[in-house]
């Protein structure tokens, strides 16, 4: 059997529901893929540390995280690049000018910092802890990994000039998340690091931030619960996540 290099999204692909349920059969499938000699990695927009719990459950040692900006191989971080600093500083200056609530993550920890007391309440559910500071010395922040912006009208927020060119995801109806959105770059970098053939890559995804990693260079599988535009771009559409879509696809193509 030819070795494949699998990259799995987490939410809606490996896990489903608000609590992130992972099916026992999905765990067994990941284990079998690795026993069969395949390379298995997570490909996520999450901060590297935020995906570690899922890696532990699944027995996965490798990761493309931070939307493609970070690589982890055998539990070791190979690199972890922050967002471009000057455009972020320009954005923060504009947010401050308009008194728009914002927060940031500056290290590989599930912590976001803000000076807005009600930011956690405004932001809604999150896997990040929120630390409120009386003031923030922006010039002293060495790097930014994520920026969180609250606004009751995201369409109006998107008119800010400083947002142009910055990677962004609508986290919910009132929250804009500035984070890397090029998982494919992380996959390219991982495959170059491993000196492996791109034609042997297989990706699984379901959401808008998976579009970039559905590439013609490799094989792309959309979950049955995926957004329609991703299904149209996929080489194969499997069953829904909660119906064992990963196991179904891996059995169908003889990988397990």
Foldseek 3Di string as FASTA:
>chain_A
DDAFAEEEEQEQTQAYDPVGDGDPVSLVVLVLLVVLPYAYEYQYLAQPLVCVVVCVSSVHQWYQYQQNQWTTHNVRTPGHDFFPPPLVVVVVVVCVVVVWWKWFDQDRDLEIEGQDPCPDVQVDDDPGHYDHDVDDDVVPRPGTAKMKTFDQQVVVVVVDPSCPPFDWDCPDNGIIMGTHLASLNNVVVVCVVVVHQLQRYEYEDAEPSCVNNLDPSYAYEYEPNHDPVSVVSHPYYFYTSVVPRVVRVCVVVVSD
